[in-house]
């Protein structure tokens, strides 16, 4: 794997399960979330933690697919915000999907031809390099929301 791709994979992995500079990784943020907290909507008009986890997983899957696609990929509202199943089984499935999506993304980045990093994503104005790095920003953004939802659900907002 090329050095640039190694750096990107490192950024993605640190944000997911490592020690990123901005604070806890996604897996650390989610480690103490129980199904009731995951399902809670303590802030009016906000998503639940389980909805955010499924959304983050969906975008990891989308970016991984875009790296191998020969054309644009349609993003439906259901794909963008997958429906969440409540309870222990739904929470477990959401975490498993997130983990599988992370591995799929890392594998797709590692296999991506480095000479295509500055090429535009099919149907987009930005490059593959921007898209790949953007997913780490997306994870951090929603990680911040998860922190606030955890605090609100536990009455410490």
N, C-alpha and C. Protein backbone atom coordinates (compact mmCIF):
# COMPACT_ATOMS: atom_id res chain seq x y z
N UNK A 1 0.85 -1.18 0.00
CA UNK A 1 0.00 0.00 0.00
C UNK A 1 0.89 1.24 0.00
N UNK A 2 0.50 2.19 -0.78
CA UNK A 2 1.21 3.45 -0.92
C UNK A 2 1.18 4.25 0.39
N UNK A 3 2.18 5.08 0.60
CA UNK A 3 2.34 5.84 1.87
C UNK A 3 1.14 6.75 2.14
N UNK A 4 0.63 7.42 1.12
CA UNK A 4 -0.52 8.30 1.30
C UNK A 4 -1.73 7.50 1.76
N UNK A 5 -1.97 6.37 1.13
CA UNK A 5 -3.09 5.53 1.53
C UNK A 5 -2.90 4.97 2.93
N UNK A 6 -1.66 4.65 3.29
CA UNK A 6 -1.39 4.19 4.66
C UNK A 6 -1.76 5.26 5.69
N UNK A 7 -1.43 6.51 5.39
CA UNK A 7 -1.77 7.62 6.29
C UNK A 7 -3.29 7.78 6.41
N UNK A 8 -3.98 7.66 5.31
CA UNK A 8 -5.44 7.80 5.32
C UNK A 8 -6.07 6.65 6.11
N UNK A 9 -5.61 5.44 5.88
CA UNK A 9 -6.13 4.29 6.63
C UNK A 9 -5.88 4.50 8.12
N UNK A 10 -4.71 5.01 8.47
CA UNK A 10 -4.41 5.28 9.87
C UNK A 10 -5.39 6.29 10.46
N UNK A 11 -5.69 7.37 9.72
CA UNK A 11 -6.65 8.37 10.18
C UNK A 11 -8.03 7.74 10.41
N UNK A 12 -8.47 6.95 9.46
CA UNK A 12 -9.78 6.31 9.55
C UNK A 12 -9.83 5.37 10.74
N UNK A 13 -8.81 4.54 10.90
CA UNK A 13 -8.78 3.58 12.01
C UNK A 13 -8.67 4.26 13.36
N UNK A 14 -7.87 5.33 13.46
CA UNK A 14 -7.76 6.04 14.74
C UNK A 14 -9.09 6.67 15.13
N UNK A 15 -9.79 7.23 14.17
CA UNK A 15 -11.08 7.83 14.46
C UNK A 15 -12.12 6.81 14.89
N UNK A 16 -11.99 5.60 14.38
CA UNK A 16 -12.97 4.56 14.69
C UNK A 16 -12.64 3.83 16.00
N UNK A 17 -11.40 3.40 16.15
CA UNK A 17 -11.09 2.57 17.32
C UNK A 17 -9.74 2.87 17.96
N UNK A 18 -9.10 3.91 17.52
CA UNK A 18 -7.78 4.22 18.05
C UNK A 18 -7.81 5.37 19.04
N UNK A 19 -6.81 6.23 18.92
CA UNK A 19 -6.64 7.35 19.84
C UNK A 19 -6.49 8.64 19.03
N UNK A 20 -7.61 9.15 18.47
CA UNK A 20 -7.50 10.38 17.68
C UNK A 20 -7.22 11.59 18.55
N UNK A 21 -6.66 12.63 17.97
CA UNK A 21 -6.28 13.81 18.75
C UNK A 21 -7.49 14.56 19.29
N UNK A 22 -8.65 14.45 18.64
CA UNK A 22 -9.81 15.26 19.02
C UNK A 22 -10.58 14.73 20.22
N UNK A 23 -10.29 13.51 20.66
CA UNK A 23 -11.01 12.93 21.79
C UNK A 23 -11.23 11.45 21.58
N UNK A 24 -12.22 10.88 22.25
CA UNK A 24 -12.44 9.44 22.14
C UNK A 24 -12.87 9.01 20.73
N UNK A 25 -12.44 7.83 20.36
CA UNK A 25 -12.85 7.25 19.08
C UNK A 25 -14.32 6.83 19.16
N UNK A 26 -14.90 6.53 18.00
CA UNK A 26 -16.30 6.09 17.99
C UNK A 26 -16.54 4.87 18.88
N UNK A 27 -15.65 3.88 18.79
CA UNK A 27 -15.87 2.69 19.60
C UNK A 27 -15.79 3.00 21.09
N UNK A 28 -14.91 3.91 21.48
CA UNK A 28 -14.83 4.30 22.89
C UNK A 28 -16.08 5.06 23.31
N UNK A 29 -16.60 5.92 22.44
CA UNK A 29 -17.83 6.66 22.75
C UNK A 29 -19.02 5.73 22.92
N UNK A 30 -19.04 4.65 22.16
CA UNK A 30 -20.18 3.75 22.16
C UNK A 30 -20.07 2.61 23.16
N UNK A 31 -18.89 2.41 23.74
CA UNK A 31 -18.64 1.25 24.59
C UNK A 31 -19.58 1.16 25.79
N UNK A 32 -19.98 2.28 26.36
CA UNK A 32 -20.82 2.25 27.55
C UNK A 32 -22.29 2.58 27.26
N UNK A 33 -22.67 2.57 25.99
CA UNK A 33 -24.06 2.86 25.63
C UNK A 33 -24.88 1.58 25.68
N UNK A 34 -25.91 1.61 26.51
CA UNK A 34 -26.81 0.46 26.59
C UNK A 34 -27.96 0.65 25.61
N UNK A 35 -28.74 -0.39 25.35
CA UNK A 35 -29.83 -0.28 24.36
C UNK A 35 -30.83 0.84 24.67
N UNK A 36 -31.16 1.05 25.93
CA UNK A 36 -32.13 2.11 26.27
C UNK A 36 -31.57 3.49 25.93
N UNK A 37 -30.30 3.71 26.22
CA UNK A 37 -29.66 4.99 25.88
C UNK A 37 -29.55 5.13 24.37
N UNK A 38 -29.23 4.05 23.68
CA UNK A 38 -29.11 4.08 22.23
C UNK A 38 -30.43 4.45 21.56
N UNK A 39 -31.53 3.99 22.12
CA UNK A 39 -32.86 4.25 21.55
C UNK A 39 -33.45 5.60 21.97
N UNK A 40 -32.93 6.19 23.03
CA UNK A 40 -33.51 7.42 23.58
C UNK A 40 -33.38 8.59 22.60
N UNK A 41 -34.36 9.47 22.67
CA UNK A 41 -34.32 10.72 21.92
C UNK A 41 -34.53 11.84 22.94
N UNK A 42 -33.46 12.15 23.70
CA UNK A 42 -33.58 13.13 24.79
C UNK A 42 -33.61 14.58 24.33
N UNK A 43 -33.32 14.81 23.07
CA UNK A 43 -33.31 16.16 22.52
C UNK A 43 -34.37 16.20 21.42
N UNK A 44 -35.32 17.11 21.55
CA UNK A 44 -36.40 17.22 20.57
C UNK A 44 -35.85 17.42 19.15
N UNK A 45 -36.43 16.72 18.22
CA UNK A 45 -36.10 16.82 16.80
C UNK A 45 -34.69 16.32 16.46
N UNK A 46 -34.09 15.55 17.36
CA UNK A 46 -32.76 14.98 17.12
C UNK A 46 -32.90 13.50 16.79
N UNK A 47 -31.84 12.94 16.29
CA UNK A 47 -31.78 11.50 16.06
C UNK A 47 -31.37 10.80 17.35
N UNK A 48 -31.65 9.52 17.42
CA UNK A 48 -31.16 8.71 18.54
C UNK A 48 -29.73 8.27 18.23
N UNK A 49 -29.06 7.75 19.22
CA UNK A 49 -27.69 7.24 19.01
C UNK A 49 -27.71 6.09 18.02
N UNK A 50 -28.67 5.19 18.13
CA UNK A 50 -28.71 4.06 17.20
C UNK A 50 -28.94 4.55 15.77
N UNK A 51 -29.74 5.58 15.59
CA UNK A 51 -29.93 6.14 14.25
C UNK A 51 -28.62 6.74 13.72
N UNK A 52 -27.90 7.44 14.58
CA UNK A 52 -26.61 8.01 14.17
C UNK A 52 -25.61 6.92 13.81
N UNK A 53 -25.57 5.85 14.59
CA UNK A 53 -24.64 4.75 14.32
C UNK A 53 -24.95 4.14 12.96
N UNK A 54 -26.21 3.93 12.66
CA UNK A 54 -26.59 3.35 11.36
C UNK A 54 -26.28 4.31 10.22
N UNK A 55 -26.45 5.61 10.45
CA UNK A 55 -26.11 6.61 9.44
C UNK A 55 -24.60 6.62 9.17
N UNK A 56 -23.81 6.59 10.23
CA UNK A 56 -22.35 6.56 10.08
C UNK A 56 -21.94 5.29 9.33
N UNK A 57 -22.52 4.16 9.68
CA UNK A 57 -22.22 2.90 8.99
C UNK A 57 -22.59 3.00 7.52
N UNK A 58 -23.75 3.56 7.24
CA UNK A 58 -24.20 3.69 5.85
C UNK A 58 -23.21 4.49 5.03
N UNK A 59 -22.69 5.57 5.59
CA UNK A 59 -21.76 6.39 4.83
C UNK A 59 -20.38 5.74 4.68
N UNK A 60 -19.98 4.94 5.62
CA UNK A 60 -18.75 4.16 5.44
C UNK A 60 -18.96 3.19 4.27
N UNK A 61 -20.12 2.56 4.22
CA UNK A 61 -20.45 1.63 3.12
C UNK A 61 -20.50 2.37 1.78
N UNK A 62 -21.12 3.53 1.77
CA UNK A 62 -21.25 4.31 0.53
C UNK A 62 -19.88 4.72 0.01
N UNK A 63 -19.03 5.24 0.88
CA UNK A 63 -17.69 5.65 0.44
C UNK A 63 -16.91 4.44 -0.07
N UNK A 64 -16.99 3.32 0.63
CA UNK A 64 -16.30 2.10 0.17
C UNK A 64 -16.80 1.70 -1.22
N UNK A 65 -18.10 1.77 -1.44
CA UNK A 65 -18.66 1.43 -2.75
C UNK A 65 -18.20 2.41 -3.81
N UNK A 66 -18.18 3.69 -3.48
CA UNK A 66 -17.76 4.70 -4.45
C UNK A 66 -16.32 4.48 -4.92
N UNK A 67 -15.49 3.93 -4.06
CA UNK A 67 -14.10 3.70 -4.43
C UNK A 67 -13.97 2.64 -5.52
N UNK A 68 -14.95 1.78 -5.64
CA UNK A 68 -14.91 0.71 -6.65
C UNK A 68 -15.92 0.88 -7.77
N UNK A 69 -16.80 1.87 -7.65
CA UNK A 69 -17.89 2.03 -8.61
C UNK A 69 -17.39 2.57 -9.94
N UNK A 70 -18.10 2.19 -10.99
CA UNK A 70 -17.77 2.70 -12.32
C UNK A 70 -18.68 3.87 -12.69
N UNK A 71 -19.55 4.26 -11.77
CA UNK A 71 -20.46 5.38 -12.00
C UNK A 71 -21.03 5.86 -10.69
N UNK A 72 -21.91 6.85 -10.75
CA UNK A 72 -22.51 7.39 -9.52
C UNK A 72 -23.33 6.34 -8.78
N UNK A 73 -23.42 6.51 -7.46
CA UNK A 73 -24.21 5.62 -6.61
C UNK A 73 -25.38 6.44 -6.08
N UNK A 74 -26.58 5.89 -6.19
CA UNK A 74 -27.77 6.58 -5.71
C UNK A 74 -27.85 6.48 -4.19
N UNK A 75 -28.13 7.61 -3.56
CA UNK A 75 -28.28 7.66 -2.12
C UNK A 75 -29.75 8.01 -1.84
N UNK A 76 -30.51 7.02 -1.47
CA UNK A 76 -31.91 7.24 -1.13
C UNK A 76 -32.00 7.72 0.33
N UNK A 77 -33.11 8.32 0.72
CA UNK A 77 -33.26 8.71 2.13
C UNK A 77 -33.12 7.51 3.08
N UNK A 78 -33.61 6.34 2.67
CA UNK A 78 -33.49 5.14 3.50
C UNK A 78 -32.05 4.66 3.60
N UNK A 79 -31.28 4.89 2.56
CA UNK A 79 -29.87 4.52 2.59
C UNK A 79 -29.09 5.49 3.46
N UNK A 80 -29.42 6.76 3.36
CA UNK A 80 -28.75 7.80 4.13
C UNK A 80 -29.04 7.64 5.63
N UNK A 81 -30.29 7.40 5.96
CA UNK A 81 -30.71 7.22 7.36
C UNK A 81 -31.48 5.91 7.46
N UNK A 82 -30.76 4.79 7.57
CA UNK A 82 -31.43 3.48 7.63
C UNK A 82 -32.38 3.40 8.82
N UNK A 83 -33.48 2.67 8.65
CA UNK A 83 -34.40 2.49 9.78
C UNK A 83 -33.72 1.71 10.90
N UNK A 84 -33.99 2.12 12.12
CA UNK A 84 -33.38 1.49 13.29
C UNK A 84 -34.38 0.56 13.96
N UNK A 85 -33.87 -0.57 14.42
CA UNK A 85 -34.66 -1.50 15.22
C UNK A 85 -34.32 -1.24 16.68
N UNK A 86 -35.34 -1.09 17.49
CA UNK A 86 -35.13 -0.77 18.90
C UNK A 86 -34.74 -2.01 19.70
N UNK A 87 -34.26 -1.75 20.90
CA UNK A 87 -33.97 -2.82 21.85
C UNK A 87 -32.58 -3.38 21.72
N UNK A 88 -32.34 -4.40 22.52
CA UNK A 88 -31.02 -5.01 22.59
C UNK A 88 -30.58 -5.59 21.24
N UNK A 89 -31.49 -6.29 20.57
CA UNK A 89 -31.13 -6.89 19.27
C UNK A 89 -30.82 -5.81 18.24
N UNK A 90 -31.62 -4.75 18.21
CA UNK A 90 -31.39 -3.67 17.26
C UNK A 90 -30.08 -2.95 17.50
N UNK A 91 -29.75 -2.72 18.77
CA UNK A 91 -28.50 -2.06 19.13
C UNK A 91 -27.31 -2.93 18.74
N UNK A 92 -27.41 -4.23 19.02
CA UNK A 92 -26.33 -5.14 18.66
C UNK A 92 -26.12 -5.17 17.14
N UNK A 93 -27.21 -5.23 16.40
CA UNK A 93 -27.12 -5.24 14.93
C UNK A 93 -26.49 -3.95 14.41
N UNK A 94 -26.86 -2.81 15.01
CA UNK A 94 -26.30 -1.54 14.58
C UNK A 94 -24.79 -1.50 14.80
N UNK A 95 -24.35 -1.96 15.96
CA UNK A 95 -22.90 -1.98 16.24
C UNK A 95 -22.17 -2.94 15.32
N UNK A 96 -22.77 -4.08 15.03
CA UNK A 96 -22.15 -5.04 14.11
C UNK A 96 -22.06 -4.46 12.69
N UNK A 97 -23.12 -3.77 12.28
CA UNK A 97 -23.09 -3.14 10.95
C UNK A 97 -22.00 -2.08 10.89
N UNK A 98 -21.88 -1.28 11.94
CA UNK A 98 -20.85 -0.24 11.98
C UNK A 98 -19.46 -0.87 11.88
N UNK A 99 -19.22 -1.92 12.62
CA UNK A 99 -17.92 -2.58 12.59
C UNK A 99 -17.63 -3.18 11.22
N UNK A 100 -18.61 -3.83 10.62
CA UNK A 100 -18.43 -4.41 9.28
C UNK A 100 -18.18 -3.31 8.25
N UNK A 101 -18.90 -2.19 8.38
CA UNK A 101 -18.72 -1.08 7.45
C UNK A 101 -17.32 -0.48 7.57
N UNK A 102 -16.83 -0.38 8.80
CA UNK A 102 -15.47 0.13 9.01
C UNK A 102 -14.45 -0.76 8.31
N UNK A 103 -14.58 -2.06 8.47
CA UNK A 103 -13.62 -2.98 7.83
C UNK A 103 -13.73 -2.93 6.31
N UNK A 104 -14.95 -2.81 5.82
CA UNK A 104 -15.16 -2.70 4.37
C UNK A 104 -14.50 -1.43 3.84
N UNK A 105 -14.64 -0.34 4.57
CA UNK A 105 -14.04 0.93 4.15
C UNK A 105 -12.52 0.85 4.16
N UNK A 106 -11.96 0.34 5.22
CA UNK A 106 -10.50 0.24 5.32
C UNK A 106 -9.95 -0.64 4.19
N UNK A 107 -10.60 -1.76 3.93
CA UNK A 107 -10.16 -2.64 2.83
C UNK A 107 -10.25 -1.93 1.49
N UNK A 108 -11.33 -1.16 1.28
CA UNK A 108 -11.50 -0.45 0.01
C UNK A 108 -10.43 0.63 -0.16
N UNK A 109 -10.12 1.33 0.91
CA UNK A 109 -9.07 2.36 0.83
C UNK A 109 -7.72 1.72 0.55
N UNK A 110 -7.42 0.64 1.25
CA UNK A 110 -6.13 -0.03 1.07
C UNK A 110 -5.94 -0.54 -0.36
N UNK A 111 -7.04 -0.93 -1.01
CA UNK A 111 -6.97 -1.46 -2.37
C UNK A 111 -7.12 -0.38 -3.44
N UNK A 112 -7.38 0.85 -3.04
CA UNK A 112 -7.63 1.91 -4.01
C UNK A 112 -6.35 2.31 -4.73
N UNK A 113 -6.42 2.49 -6.05
CA UNK A 113 -5.22 2.92 -6.80
C UNK A 113 -4.83 4.35 -6.42
N UNK A 114 -3.64 4.55 -5.88
CA UNK A 114 -3.24 5.88 -5.43
C UNK A 114 -3.24 6.93 -6.53
N UNK A 115 -3.04 6.51 -7.77
CA UNK A 115 -3.03 7.48 -8.87
C UNK A 115 -4.43 8.04 -9.16
N UNK A 116 -5.47 7.50 -8.53
CA UNK A 116 -6.83 8.00 -8.72
C UNK A 116 -7.30 8.89 -7.58
N UNK A 117 -6.48 9.11 -6.57
CA UNK A 117 -6.88 9.92 -5.42
C UNK A 117 -7.32 11.33 -5.80
N UNK A 118 -6.71 11.91 -6.81
CA UNK A 118 -7.05 13.28 -7.20
C UNK A 118 -8.08 13.33 -8.32
N UNK A 119 -8.64 12.18 -8.68
CA UNK A 119 -9.72 12.13 -9.68
C UNK A 119 -11.04 12.43 -9.00
N UNK A 120 -11.97 13.05 -9.73
CA UNK A 120 -13.27 13.33 -9.12
C UNK A 120 -14.08 12.06 -8.88
N UNK A 121 -14.83 12.05 -7.79
CA UNK A 121 -15.76 10.96 -7.51
C UNK A 121 -16.84 11.04 -8.59
N UNK A 122 -17.30 9.91 -9.06
CA UNK A 122 -18.32 9.87 -10.11
C UNK A 122 -19.54 10.70 -9.72
N UNK A 123 -19.85 11.70 -10.54
CA UNK A 123 -21.02 12.53 -10.30
C UNK A 123 -20.84 13.61 -9.25
N UNK A 124 -19.62 13.79 -8.75
CA UNK A 124 -19.35 14.79 -7.70
C UNK A 124 -18.29 15.78 -8.17
N UNK A 125 -18.19 16.89 -7.46
CA UNK A 125 -17.18 17.89 -7.79
C UNK A 125 -15.90 17.70 -6.99
N UNK A 126 -15.94 16.85 -5.98
CA UNK A 126 -14.75 16.65 -5.15
C UNK A 126 -14.03 15.35 -5.55
N UNK A 127 -12.78 15.25 -5.10
CA UNK A 127 -11.93 14.12 -5.46
C UNK A 127 -12.12 12.96 -4.48
N UNK A 128 -11.57 11.81 -4.87
CA UNK A 128 -11.60 10.65 -3.98
C UNK A 128 -10.83 10.93 -2.68
N UNK A 129 -9.74 11.69 -2.77
CA UNK A 129 -8.98 12.03 -1.56
C UNK A 129 -9.84 12.83 -0.59
N UNK A 130 -10.60 13.78 -1.10
CA UNK A 130 -11.48 14.58 -0.26
C UNK A 130 -12.58 13.69 0.33
N UNK A 131 -13.14 12.82 -0.45
CA UNK A 131 -14.20 11.91 0.01
C UNK A 131 -13.69 11.00 1.13
N UNK A 132 -12.52 10.43 0.93
CA UNK A 132 -11.98 9.49 1.92
C UNK A 132 -11.66 10.21 3.22
N UNK A 133 -11.02 11.35 3.11
CA UNK A 133 -10.70 12.11 4.32
C UNK A 133 -11.96 12.68 4.96
N UNK A 134 -12.93 12.99 4.13
CA UNK A 134 -14.19 13.53 4.63
C UNK A 134 -14.94 12.56 5.52
N UNK A 135 -14.77 11.27 5.30
CA UNK A 135 -15.48 10.30 6.14
C UNK A 135 -14.98 10.36 7.58
N UNK A 136 -13.73 10.70 7.78
CA UNK A 136 -13.23 10.85 9.16
C UNK A 136 -13.85 12.08 9.81
N UNK A 137 -14.06 13.14 9.03
CA UNK A 137 -14.72 14.34 9.54
C UNK A 137 -16.18 14.03 9.87
N UNK A 138 -16.83 13.26 9.03
CA UNK A 138 -18.22 12.85 9.24
C UNK A 138 -18.33 12.07 10.54
N UNK A 139 -17.42 11.14 10.76
CA UNK A 139 -17.42 10.34 11.99
C UNK A 139 -17.24 11.23 13.23
N UNK A 140 -16.32 12.18 13.16
CA UNK A 140 -16.06 13.05 14.30
C UNK A 140 -17.27 13.94 14.58
N UNK A 141 -17.91 14.44 13.55
CA UNK A 141 -19.10 15.28 13.70
C UNK A 141 -20.20 14.52 14.44
N UNK A 142 -20.49 13.32 13.95
CA UNK A 142 -21.55 12.54 14.59
C UNK A 142 -21.10 11.99 15.95
N UNK A 143 -19.82 11.77 16.13
CA UNK A 143 -19.31 11.39 17.45
C UNK A 143 -19.61 12.47 18.48
N UNK A 144 -19.46 13.72 18.10
CA UNK A 144 -19.80 14.83 18.99
C UNK A 144 -21.29 14.82 19.35
N UNK A 145 -22.12 14.53 18.37
CA UNK A 145 -23.56 14.43 18.64
C UNK A 145 -23.85 13.29 19.62
N UNK A 146 -23.15 12.19 19.45
CA UNK A 146 -23.35 11.04 20.34
C UNK A 146 -22.99 11.41 21.78
N UNK A 147 -21.91 12.14 21.96
CA UNK A 147 -21.53 12.58 23.31
C UNK A 147 -22.65 13.40 23.93
N UNK A 148 -23.20 14.34 23.18
CA UNK A 148 -24.26 15.19 23.71
C UNK A 148 -25.53 14.39 24.00
N UNK A 149 -25.86 13.45 23.13
CA UNK A 149 -27.05 12.62 23.37
C UNK A 149 -26.87 11.72 24.58
N UNK A 150 -25.68 11.19 24.77
CA UNK A 150 -25.42 10.38 25.98
C UNK A 150 -25.63 11.21 27.23
N UNK A 151 -25.09 12.40 27.25
CA UNK A 151 -25.22 13.28 28.41
C UNK A 151 -26.69 13.63 28.65
N UNK A 152 -27.40 13.98 27.59
CA UNK A 152 -28.80 14.35 27.73
C UNK A 152 -29.65 13.16 28.20
N UNK A 153 -29.37 11.97 27.67
CA UNK A 153 -30.14 10.78 28.05
C UNK A 153 -29.89 10.43 29.51
N UNK A 154 -28.73 10.76 30.01
CA UNK A 154 -28.38 10.42 31.39
C UNK A 154 -28.64 11.57 32.35
N UNK A 155 -29.24 12.64 31.82
CA UNK A 155 -29.60 13.77 32.67
C UNK A 155 -28.47 14.68 33.06
N UNK A 156 -27.36 14.66 32.30
CA UNK A 156 -26.20 15.48 32.65
C UNK A 156 -25.91 16.50 31.56
N UNK A 157 -26.93 16.89 30.82
CA UNK A 157 -26.71 17.83 29.71
C UNK A 157 -26.41 19.22 30.19
